[in-house]
Amino acid sequence: MAIVKNDSVIDQEWITVDIEGDLPAGEENIIVPLARFKEERETLIGRNGGLGVQLNSGDAPEDLADDLDRLSIITVNFPAYTDGRGYSYARVLRERFGFKGELRAIGDVLRDQILYMHRCGFDAYELKNDDDVSLTKVRAALKEMTVYYQPTGDGRATAASLREQRRAAIKTAS
């Protein structure tokens, strides 16, 4: 699998540990499911390696609100391309709670969804294809549209704000 972030393919630096798996003894960077994080919060926060949490469908991103400064990464699992809850999770984490770490889409991540995932706050994508193809797909997806009607957390101007800027520039020039 290829992980695309910041216009490059990056190495997997995180170990995903399931709900009952043994924690690595060293300082490895780990990602645990939200349920495990809630059960073993103090132990996990006390580790020396990086810490991340995986959100699955049905999880509540609000459960992480008080600990976001302790997390380096949050992965959001898309179990099927038709399950859109991950988009809402991303917006809640970025816009309501101000999460600044890596927000990675995993699971059934399709090229056609990448632009919308980015608009919601994702900055990394785990894709099942070969590295070069994946990077090309992500680059192409992020350039598909340049003007948007809906405001989101990615900071791009909306069509309405661009029109207002143009009107103000014309008014100033007159």
N, C-alpha and C. Protein backbone atom coordinates (compact mmCIF):
# COMPACT_ATOMS: atom_id res chain seq x y z
N MET A 1 0.84 -1.19 0.00
CA MET A 1 0.00 0.00 0.00
C MET A 1 0.87 1.24 0.00
N ALA A 2 0.40 2.25 -0.69
CA ALA A 2 1.13 3.51 -0.76
C ALA A 2 0.43 4.54 0.13
N ILE A 3 1.23 5.33 0.82
CA ILE A 3 0.71 6.43 1.61
C ILE A 3 1.17 7.71 0.95
N VAL A 4 0.21 8.53 0.56
CA VAL A 4 0.52 9.79 -0.10
C VAL A 4 0.20 10.92 0.86
N LYS A 5 1.22 11.78 1.06
CA LYS A 5 1.07 12.94 1.95
C LYS A 5 1.96 14.05 1.42
N ASN A 6 1.45 15.27 1.43
CA ASN A 6 2.23 16.44 1.02
C ASN A 6 2.90 16.23 -0.34
N ASP A 7 2.15 15.75 -1.28
CA ASP A 7 2.61 15.58 -2.67
C ASP A 7 3.79 14.62 -2.79
N SER A 8 3.88 13.65 -1.91
CA SER A 8 4.90 12.60 -2.05
C SER A 8 4.41 11.30 -1.43
N VAL A 9 5.05 10.24 -1.82
CA VAL A 9 4.78 8.94 -1.22
C VAL A 9 5.71 8.82 -0.01
N ILE A 10 5.13 8.51 1.13
CA ILE A 10 5.92 8.41 2.36
C ILE A 10 5.97 6.96 2.84
N ASP A 11 6.95 6.66 3.65
CA ASP A 11 7.07 5.33 4.24
C ASP A 11 6.08 5.20 5.39
N GLN A 12 5.65 3.97 5.62
CA GLN A 12 4.78 3.68 6.76
C GLN A 12 5.65 3.70 8.02
N GLU A 13 5.43 4.66 8.88
CA GLU A 13 6.21 4.79 10.11
C GLU A 13 5.39 4.42 11.34
N TRP A 14 4.21 3.90 11.12
CA TRP A 14 3.30 3.60 12.22
C TRP A 14 2.94 2.13 12.22
N ILE A 15 2.84 1.56 13.41
CA ILE A 15 2.38 0.19 13.59
C ILE A 15 0.95 0.25 14.11
N THR A 16 0.04 -0.39 13.39
CA THR A 16 -1.35 -0.44 13.85
C THR A 16 -1.52 -1.66 14.74
N VAL A 17 -1.97 -1.42 15.97
CA VAL A 17 -2.17 -2.47 16.96
C VAL A 17 -3.67 -2.60 17.18
N ASP A 18 -4.19 -3.82 17.03
CA ASP A 18 -5.63 -3.98 17.19
C ASP A 18 -6.04 -3.93 18.66
N ILE A 19 -7.30 -4.16 18.91
CA ILE A 19 -7.86 -3.99 20.25
C ILE A 19 -7.20 -4.91 21.29
N GLU A 20 -6.75 -6.11 20.87
CA GLU A 20 -6.19 -7.06 21.81
C GLU A 20 -4.71 -7.36 21.57
N GLY A 21 -4.11 -6.75 20.56
CA GLY A 21 -2.71 -7.03 20.24
C GLY A 21 -1.76 -6.51 21.29
N ASP A 22 -0.60 -7.14 21.37
CA ASP A 22 0.42 -6.69 22.31
C ASP A 22 1.04 -5.37 21.83
N LEU A 23 1.28 -4.48 22.77
CA LEU A 23 1.95 -3.23 22.44
C LEU A 23 3.43 -3.50 22.24
N PRO A 24 4.05 -2.86 21.24
CA PRO A 24 5.50 -3.02 21.07
C PRO A 24 6.22 -2.54 22.32
N ALA A 25 7.32 -3.22 22.65
CA ALA A 25 8.06 -2.89 23.86
C ALA A 25 8.91 -1.63 23.71
N GLY A 26 9.28 -1.29 22.48
CA GLY A 26 10.18 -0.16 22.25
C GLY A 26 9.45 1.16 22.12
N GLU A 27 10.07 2.06 21.40
CA GLU A 27 9.54 3.41 21.22
C GLU A 27 8.87 3.58 19.85
N GLU A 28 8.33 2.50 19.32
CA GLU A 28 7.68 2.56 18.02
C GLU A 28 6.46 3.48 18.05
N ASN A 29 6.15 4.03 16.90
CA ASN A 29 4.93 4.82 16.74
C ASN A 29 3.77 3.86 16.54
N ILE A 30 2.73 4.00 17.35
CA ILE A 30 1.60 3.08 17.24
C ILE A 30 0.29 3.81 17.01
N ILE A 31 -0.62 3.10 16.36
CA ILE A 31 -1.99 3.55 16.17
C ILE A 31 -2.88 2.48 16.78
N VAL A 32 -3.79 2.90 17.64
CA VAL A 32 -4.71 1.96 18.29
C VAL A 32 -6.15 2.38 17.99
N PRO A 33 -7.07 1.43 18.01
CA PRO A 33 -8.48 1.79 17.84
C PRO A 33 -8.96 2.68 18.99
N LEU A 34 -9.97 3.49 18.73
CA LEU A 34 -10.51 4.39 19.74
C LEU A 34 -10.90 3.63 21.01
N ALA A 35 -11.53 2.47 20.87
CA ALA A 35 -11.97 1.71 22.05
C ALA A 35 -10.77 1.35 22.94
N ARG A 36 -9.67 0.97 22.34
CA ARG A 36 -8.48 0.63 23.13
C ARG A 36 -7.88 1.89 23.76
N PHE A 37 -7.87 2.98 23.02
CA PHE A 37 -7.36 4.23 23.57
C PHE A 37 -8.16 4.62 24.82
N LYS A 38 -9.46 4.49 24.75
CA LYS A 38 -10.29 4.86 25.89
C LYS A 38 -10.04 3.94 27.09
N GLU A 39 -9.81 2.65 26.83
CA GLU A 39 -9.58 1.69 27.91
C GLU A 39 -8.20 1.84 28.54
N GLU A 40 -7.18 2.15 27.73
CA GLU A 40 -5.79 2.15 28.21
C GLU A 40 -5.15 3.53 28.06
N ARG A 41 -5.93 4.55 28.17
CA ARG A 41 -5.47 5.91 27.90
C ARG A 41 -4.17 6.26 28.61
N GLU A 42 -4.11 6.09 29.92
CA GLU A 42 -2.94 6.49 30.69
C GLU A 42 -1.69 5.73 30.26
N THR A 43 -1.81 4.43 30.06
CA THR A 43 -0.67 3.62 29.62
C THR A 43 -0.19 4.09 28.26
N LEU A 44 -1.11 4.31 27.34
CA LEU A 44 -0.74 4.70 25.98
C LEU A 44 -0.10 6.09 25.95
N ILE A 45 -0.65 7.01 26.70
CA ILE A 45 -0.10 8.37 26.74
C ILE A 45 1.30 8.37 27.36
N GLY A 46 1.54 7.44 28.30
CA GLY A 46 2.82 7.36 28.98
C GLY A 46 3.94 6.72 28.16
N ARG A 47 3.62 6.14 27.01
CA ARG A 47 4.65 5.52 26.17
C ARG A 47 5.57 6.58 25.58
N ASN A 48 6.78 6.17 25.18
CA ASN A 48 7.74 7.08 24.59
C ASN A 48 7.57 7.26 23.08
N GLY A 49 6.96 6.31 22.40
CA GLY A 49 6.78 6.44 20.95
C GLY A 49 5.61 7.34 20.61
N GLY A 50 5.46 7.63 19.31
CA GLY A 50 4.33 8.43 18.86
C GLY A 50 3.03 7.67 19.04
N LEU A 51 1.94 8.41 19.21
CA LEU A 51 0.64 7.80 19.45
C LEU A 51 -0.39 8.32 18.46
N GLY A 52 -1.15 7.39 17.94
CA GLY A 52 -2.24 7.73 17.04
C GLY A 52 -3.46 6.89 17.37
N VAL A 53 -4.61 7.33 16.87
CA VAL A 53 -5.87 6.62 17.10
C VAL A 53 -6.55 6.40 15.76
N GLN A 54 -7.15 5.22 15.63
CA GLN A 54 -7.94 4.91 14.44
C GLN A 54 -9.41 5.04 14.78
N LEU A 55 -10.11 5.83 13.98
CA LEU A 55 -11.56 5.94 14.11
C LEU A 55 -12.22 5.04 13.07
N ASN A 56 -13.17 4.26 13.52
CA ASN A 56 -13.95 3.41 12.63
C ASN A 56 -15.38 3.92 12.59
N SER A 57 -16.15 3.43 11.64
CA SER A 57 -17.55 3.84 11.54
C SER A 57 -18.25 3.55 12.86
N GLY A 58 -19.00 4.52 13.33
CA GLY A 58 -19.71 4.38 14.58
C GLY A 58 -18.97 4.95 15.77
N ASP A 59 -17.68 5.24 15.62
CA ASP A 59 -16.93 5.89 16.69
C ASP A 59 -17.32 7.36 16.76
N ALA A 60 -17.04 7.97 17.88
CA ALA A 60 -17.34 9.39 18.07
C ALA A 60 -16.03 10.18 18.16
N PRO A 61 -15.71 10.99 17.15
CA PRO A 61 -14.47 11.77 17.22
C PRO A 61 -14.45 12.72 18.42
N GLU A 62 -15.61 13.07 18.94
CA GLU A 62 -15.68 13.94 20.12
C GLU A 62 -15.00 13.31 21.33
N ASP A 63 -14.90 11.97 21.34
CA ASP A 63 -14.23 11.28 22.45
C ASP A 63 -12.74 11.62 22.54
N LEU A 64 -12.18 12.17 21.47
CA LEU A 64 -10.76 12.52 21.45
C LEU A 64 -10.49 13.99 21.75
N ALA A 65 -11.53 14.78 21.91
CA ALA A 65 -11.40 16.24 22.02
C ALA A 65 -10.38 16.68 23.06
N ASP A 66 -10.34 16.03 24.21
CA ASP A 66 -9.42 16.45 25.28
C ASP A 66 -8.00 15.94 25.11
N ASP A 67 -7.78 15.05 24.14
CA ASP A 67 -6.46 14.44 23.99
C ASP A 67 -5.82 14.72 22.64
N LEU A 68 -6.37 15.58 21.83
CA LEU A 68 -5.84 15.80 20.49
C LEU A 68 -4.40 16.30 20.50
N ASP A 69 -4.02 17.06 21.51
CA ASP A 69 -2.64 17.55 21.58
C ASP A 69 -1.64 16.43 21.88
N ARG A 70 -2.11 15.28 22.29
CA ARG A 70 -1.25 14.13 22.58
C ARG A 70 -1.12 13.18 21.39
N LEU A 71 -1.92 13.41 20.35
CA LEU A 71 -1.95 12.52 19.20
C LEU A 71 -1.21 13.12 18.02
N SER A 72 -0.38 12.33 17.37
CA SER A 72 0.34 12.78 16.19
C SER A 72 -0.42 12.48 14.92
N ILE A 73 -1.25 11.46 14.95
CA ILE A 73 -1.98 11.01 13.77
C ILE A 73 -3.33 10.45 14.19
N ILE A 74 -4.31 10.69 13.34
CA ILE A 74 -5.61 10.02 13.46
C ILE A 74 -5.90 9.42 12.10
N THR A 75 -6.15 8.12 12.09
CA THR A 75 -6.56 7.48 10.85
C THR A 75 -8.07 7.29 10.90
N VAL A 76 -8.71 7.52 9.78
CA VAL A 76 -10.15 7.35 9.69
C VAL A 76 -10.40 6.25 8.66
N ASN A 77 -11.03 5.19 9.11
CA ASN A 77 -11.27 4.03 8.26
C ASN A 77 -12.56 4.20 7.47
N PHE A 78 -12.43 4.07 6.17
CA PHE A 78 -13.58 4.04 5.27
C PHE A 78 -13.80 2.57 4.90
N PRO A 79 -14.74 1.87 5.58
CA PRO A 79 -14.92 0.44 5.33
C PRO A 79 -15.48 0.16 3.93
N ALA A 80 -16.19 1.11 3.39
CA ALA A 80 -16.73 1.01 2.03
C ALA A 80 -16.81 2.43 1.48
N TYR A 81 -16.67 2.57 0.18
CA TYR A 81 -16.68 3.92 -0.40
C TYR A 81 -18.03 4.59 -0.20
N THR A 82 -19.06 3.84 0.11
CA THR A 82 -20.39 4.41 0.31
C THR A 82 -20.60 4.91 1.74
N ASP A 83 -19.66 4.67 2.63
CA ASP A 83 -19.79 5.10 4.03
C ASP A 83 -19.13 6.46 4.18
N GLY A 84 -19.93 7.51 4.32
CA GLY A 84 -19.42 8.87 4.34
C GLY A 84 -19.17 9.46 5.71
N ARG A 85 -19.29 8.66 6.76
CA ARG A 85 -19.11 9.21 8.11
C ARG A 85 -17.72 9.78 8.32
N GLY A 86 -16.72 9.22 7.65
CA GLY A 86 -15.35 9.70 7.81
C GLY A 86 -15.17 11.16 7.41
N TYR A 87 -15.95 11.63 6.44
CA TYR A 87 -15.89 13.03 6.02
C TYR A 87 -16.31 13.92 7.20
N SER A 88 -17.38 13.53 7.86
CA SER A 88 -17.86 14.30 9.02
C SER A 88 -16.85 14.25 10.15
N TYR A 89 -16.24 13.08 10.37
CA TYR A 89 -15.23 12.97 11.42
C TYR A 89 -14.09 13.95 11.18
N ALA A 90 -13.64 14.02 9.91
CA ALA A 90 -12.54 14.92 9.58
C ALA A 90 -12.90 16.37 9.84
N ARG A 91 -14.08 16.78 9.43
CA ARG A 91 -14.49 18.17 9.64
C ARG A 91 -14.60 18.49 11.13
N VAL A 92 -15.15 17.58 11.90
CA VAL A 92 -15.26 17.79 13.34
C VAL A 92 -13.87 17.96 13.95
N LEU A 93 -12.96 17.07 13.59
CA LEU A 93 -11.61 17.12 14.16
C LEU A 93 -10.87 18.38 13.78
N ARG A 94 -10.96 18.78 12.52
CA ARG A 94 -10.21 19.96 12.05
C ARG A 94 -10.90 21.27 12.44
N GLU A 95 -12.19 21.37 12.14
CA GLU A 95 -12.87 22.66 12.28
C GLU A 95 -13.39 22.93 13.69
N ARG A 96 -13.93 21.95 14.34
CA ARG A 96 -14.46 22.18 15.68
C ARG A 96 -13.38 22.09 16.75
N PHE A 97 -12.48 21.09 16.61
CA PHE A 97 -11.49 20.85 17.66
C PHE A 97 -10.09 21.31 17.30
N GLY A 98 -9.86 21.75 16.07
CA GLY A 98 -8.57 22.31 15.69
C GLY A 98 -7.42 21.33 15.66
N PHE A 99 -7.67 20.07 15.33
CA PHE A 99 -6.60 19.07 15.27
C PHE A 99 -5.60 19.46 14.19
N LYS A 100 -4.32 19.50 14.57
CA LYS A 100 -3.25 19.94 13.66
C LYS A 100 -2.38 18.79 13.15
N GLY A 101 -2.53 17.60 13.71
CA GLY A 101 -1.70 16.46 13.31
C GLY A 101 -2.13 15.88 11.97
N GLU A 102 -1.51 14.76 11.63
CA GLU A 102 -1.84 14.10 10.37
C GLU A 102 -3.21 13.45 10.48
N LEU A 103 -4.02 13.64 9.45
CA LEU A 103 -5.34 13.02 9.37
C LEU A 103 -5.32 12.17 8.10
N ARG A 104 -5.27 10.86 8.30
CA ARG A 104 -5.07 9.93 7.17
C ARG A 104 -6.33 9.12 6.89
N ALA A 105 -6.75 9.11 5.64
CA ALA A 105 -7.86 8.26 5.20
C ALA A 105 -7.32 6.89 4.87
N ILE A 106 -7.94 5.85 5.43
CA ILE A 106 -7.53 4.48 5.16
C ILE A 106 -8.75 3.66 4.77
N GLY A 107 -8.52 2.46 4.30
CA GLY A 107 -9.63 1.58 3.94
C GLY A 107 -9.95 1.69 2.46
N ASP A 108 -11.22 1.82 2.15
CA ASP A 108 -11.68 1.87 0.77
C ASP A 108 -11.60 3.32 0.26
N VAL A 109 -10.39 3.79 0.02
CA VAL A 109 -10.14 5.16 -0.44
C VAL A 109 -10.00 5.14 -1.95
N LEU A 110 -10.92 5.80 -2.62
CA LEU A 110 -10.93 5.84 -4.08
C LEU A 110 -10.44 7.18 -4.59
N ARG A 111 -9.87 7.18 -5.77
CA ARG A 111 -9.36 8.39 -6.39
C ARG A 111 -10.43 9.48 -6.48
N ASP A 112 -11.65 9.10 -6.80
CA ASP A 112 -12.73 10.08 -6.96
C ASP A 112 -13.12 10.77 -5.66
N GLN A 113 -12.70 10.23 -4.54
CA GLN A 113 -13.05 10.81 -3.24
C GLN A 113 -11.96 11.72 -2.67
N ILE A 114 -10.78 11.66 -3.22
CA ILE A 114 -9.63 12.33 -2.61
C ILE A 114 -9.82 13.84 -2.50
N LEU A 115 -10.32 14.49 -3.53
CA LEU A 115 -10.53 15.93 -3.46
C LEU A 115 -11.50 16.28 -2.33
N TYR A 116 -12.57 15.52 -2.19
CA TYR A 116 -13.56 15.80 -1.15
C TYR A 116 -12.99 15.49 0.23
N MET A 117 -12.18 14.44 0.31
CA MET A 117 -11.53 14.15 1.58
C MET A 117 -10.59 15.29 1.97
N HIS A 118 -9.85 15.79 1.02
CA HIS A 118 -8.94 16.91 1.26
C HIS A 118 -9.72 18.14 1.73
N ARG A 119 -10.83 18.41 1.08
CA ARG A 119 -11.66 19.57 1.45
C ARG A 119 -12.16 19.45 2.89
N CYS A 120 -12.33 18.22 3.37
CA CYS A 120 -12.82 18.00 4.73
C CYS A 120 -11.71 18.01 5.77
N GLY A 121 -10.45 17.98 5.32
CA GLY A 121 -9.35 18.07 6.28
C GLY A 121 -8.32 16.97 6.22
N PHE A 122 -8.52 15.95 5.39
CA PHE A 122 -7.51 14.89 5.29
C PHE A 122 -6.27 15.45 4.59
N ASP A 123 -5.10 15.01 5.06
CA ASP A 123 -3.86 15.43 4.42
C ASP A 123 -2.99 14.24 4.03
N ALA A 124 -3.49 13.02 4.25
CA ALA A 124 -2.76 11.82 3.86
C ALA A 124 -3.77 10.74 3.48
N TYR A 125 -3.36 9.89 2.55
CA TYR A 125 -4.26 8.88 1.99
C TYR A 125 -3.50 7.58 1.83
N GLU A 126 -4.06 6.51 2.36
CA GLU A 126 -3.46 5.19 2.18
C GLU A 126 -4.18 4.51 1.03
N LEU A 127 -3.44 4.30 -0.06
CA LEU A 127 -4.02 3.75 -1.27
C LEU A 127 -3.47 2.36 -1.53
N LYS A 128 -4.26 1.53 -2.15
CA LYS A 128 -3.89 0.13 -2.35
C LYS A 128 -3.06 -0.11 -3.60
N ASN A 129 -2.80 0.92 -4.38
CA ASN A 129 -2.07 0.73 -5.63
C ASN A 129 -0.59 0.99 -5.49
N ASP A 130 0.11 0.82 -6.59
CA ASP A 130 1.56 1.05 -6.63
C ASP A 130 1.87 2.54 -6.44
N ASP A 131 3.04 2.84 -5.87
CA ASP A 131 3.40 4.19 -5.44
C ASP A 131 3.26 5.26 -6.51
N ASP A 132 3.85 5.04 -7.69
CA ASP A 132 3.81 6.07 -8.74
C ASP A 132 2.40 6.33 -9.21
N VAL A 133 1.63 5.27 -9.38
CA VAL A 133 0.25 5.43 -9.82
C VAL A 133 -0.55 6.18 -8.76
N SER A 134 -0.33 5.85 -7.50
CA SER A 134 -1.07 6.49 -6.42
C SER A 134 -0.76 7.97 -6.34
N LEU A 135 0.51 8.34 -6.43
CA LEU A 135 0.89 9.75 -6.36
C LEU A 135 0.28 10.51 -7.54
N THR A 136 0.32 9.93 -8.71
CA THR A 136 -0.27 10.55 -9.89
C THR A 136 -1.77 10.74 -9.69
N LYS A 137 -2.43 9.75 -9.14
CA LYS A 137 -3.88 9.83 -8.89
C LYS A 137 -4.21 10.96 -7.91
N VAL A 138 -3.45 11.03 -6.83
CA VAL A 138 -3.72 12.06 -5.82
C VAL A 138 -3.49 13.45 -6.40
N ARG A 139 -2.39 13.63 -7.10
CA ARG A 139 -2.10 14.94 -7.72
C ARG A 139 -3.22 15.35 -8.67
N ALA A 140 -3.65 14.43 -9.51
CA ALA A 140 -4.72 14.73 -10.47
C ALA A 140 -6.02 15.05 -9.76
N ALA A 141 -6.35 14.28 -8.73
CA ALA A 141 -7.60 14.49 -8.01
C ALA A 141 -7.64 15.86 -7.34
N LEU A 142 -6.51 16.29 -6.77
CA LEU A 142 -6.49 17.56 -6.04
C LEU A 142 -6.54 18.78 -6.96
N LYS A 143 -6.31 18.57 -8.26
CA LYS A 143 -6.34 19.68 -9.21
C LYS A 143 -7.62 19.73 -10.04
N GLU A 144 -8.55 18.83 -9.79
CA GLU A 144 -9.75 18.73 -10.62
C GLU A 144 -10.61 19.98 -10.58
N MET A 145 -10.78 20.56 -9.43
CA MET A 145 -11.63 21.74 -9.29
C MET A 145 -10.83 22.85 -8.64
N THR A 146 -11.15 24.08 -9.03
CA THR A 146 -10.41 25.22 -8.48
C THR A 146 -11.31 26.22 -7.77
N VAL A 147 -12.61 26.15 -8.00
CA VAL A 147 -13.55 27.07 -7.36
C VAL A 147 -14.63 26.24 -6.68
N TYR A 148 -14.99 26.64 -5.46
CA TYR A 148 -15.95 25.88 -4.67
C TYR A 148 -17.05 26.79 -4.15
N TYR A 149 -18.23 26.22 -3.97
CA TYR A 149 -19.34 26.97 -3.38
C TYR A 149 -19.38 26.82 -1.87
N GLN A 150 -19.01 25.67 -1.36
CA GLN A 150 -19.10 25.40 0.07
C GLN A 150 -17.80 25.75 0.78
N PRO A 151 -17.89 26.45 1.90
CA PRO A 151 -16.68 26.68 2.71
C PRO A 151 -16.34 25.42 3.49
N THR A 152 -15.06 25.12 3.63
CA THR A 152 -14.63 23.99 4.45
C THR A 152 -13.31 24.35 5.13
N GLY A 153 -12.77 23.39 5.82
CA GLY A 153 -11.58 23.62 6.62
C GLY A 153 -10.28 23.71 5.85
N ASP A 154 -10.29 23.56 4.53
CA ASP A 154 -9.01 23.60 3.81
C ASP A 154 -8.57 25.02 3.47
N GLY A 155 -9.39 26.02 3.79
CA GLY A 155 -8.98 27.41 3.64
C GLY A 155 -9.12 28.00 2.24
N ARG A 156 -9.58 27.21 1.27
CA ARG A 156 -9.73 27.74 -0.08
C ARG A 156 -10.92 28.69 -0.13
N ALA A 157 -10.77 29.72 -0.94
CA ALA A 157 -11.84 30.71 -1.07
C ALA A 157 -13.04 30.11 -1.78
N THR A 158 -14.23 30.55 -1.40
CA THR A 158 -15.45 30.09 -2.06
C THR A 158 -15.75 31.00 -3.25
N ALA A 159 -16.65 30.56 -4.11
CA ALA A 159 -17.04 31.35 -5.27
C ALA A 159 -17.58 32.71 -4.83
N ALA A 160 -18.38 32.72 -3.78
CA ALA A 160 -18.96 33.98 -3.30
C ALA A 160 -17.87 34.94 -2.82
N SER A 161 -16.87 34.44 -2.08
CA SER A 161 -15.82 35.34 -1.59
C SER A 161 -14.95 35.84 -2.74
N LEU A 162 -14.73 35.01 -3.75
CA LEU A 162 -13.96 35.46 -4.92
C LEU A 162 -14.70 36.55 -5.68
N ARG A 163 -16.02 36.39 -5.80
CA ARG A 163 -16.84 37.43 -6.46
C ARG A 163 -16.76 38.74 -5.67
N GLU A 164 -16.86 38.64 -4.36
CA GLU A 164 -16.80 39.84 -3.52
C GLU A 164 -15.45 40.53 -3.63
N GLN A 165 -14.37 39.75 -3.68
CA GLN A 165 -13.04 40.33 -3.86
C GLN A 165 -12.94 41.05 -5.21
N ARG A 166 -13.50 40.44 -6.23
CA ARG A 166 -13.46 41.06 -7.56
C ARG A 166 -14.25 42.37 -7.58
N ARG A 167 -15.44 42.36 -6.95
CA ARG A 167 -16.25 43.59 -6.88
C ARG A 167 -15.50 44.69 -6.13
N ALA A 168 -14.86 44.32 -5.03
CA ALA A 168 -14.12 45.31 -4.24
C ALA A 168 -12.95 45.86 -5.04
N ALA A 169 -12.27 45.02 -5.81
CA ALA A 169 -11.13 45.49 -6.61
C ALA A 169 -11.60 46.44 -7.71
N ILE A 170 -12.73 46.13 -8.32
CA ILE A 170 -13.26 47.00 -9.37
C ILE A 170 -13.70 48.33 -8.77
N LYS A 171 -14.35 48.27 -7.61
CA LYS A 171 -14.81 49.48 -6.94
C LYS A 171 -13.62 50.36 -6.55
N THR A 172 -12.55 49.76 -6.05
CA THR A 172 -11.35 50.50 -5.66
C THR A 172 -10.67 51.13 -6.88
N ALA A 173 -10.66 50.40 -7.98
CA ALA A 173 -10.01 50.89 -9.20
C ALA A 173 -10.80 52.01 -9.87
N SER A 174 -12.08 52.10 -9.57
CA SER A 174 -12.93 53.15 -10.21
C SER A 174 -12.74 54.50 -9.64
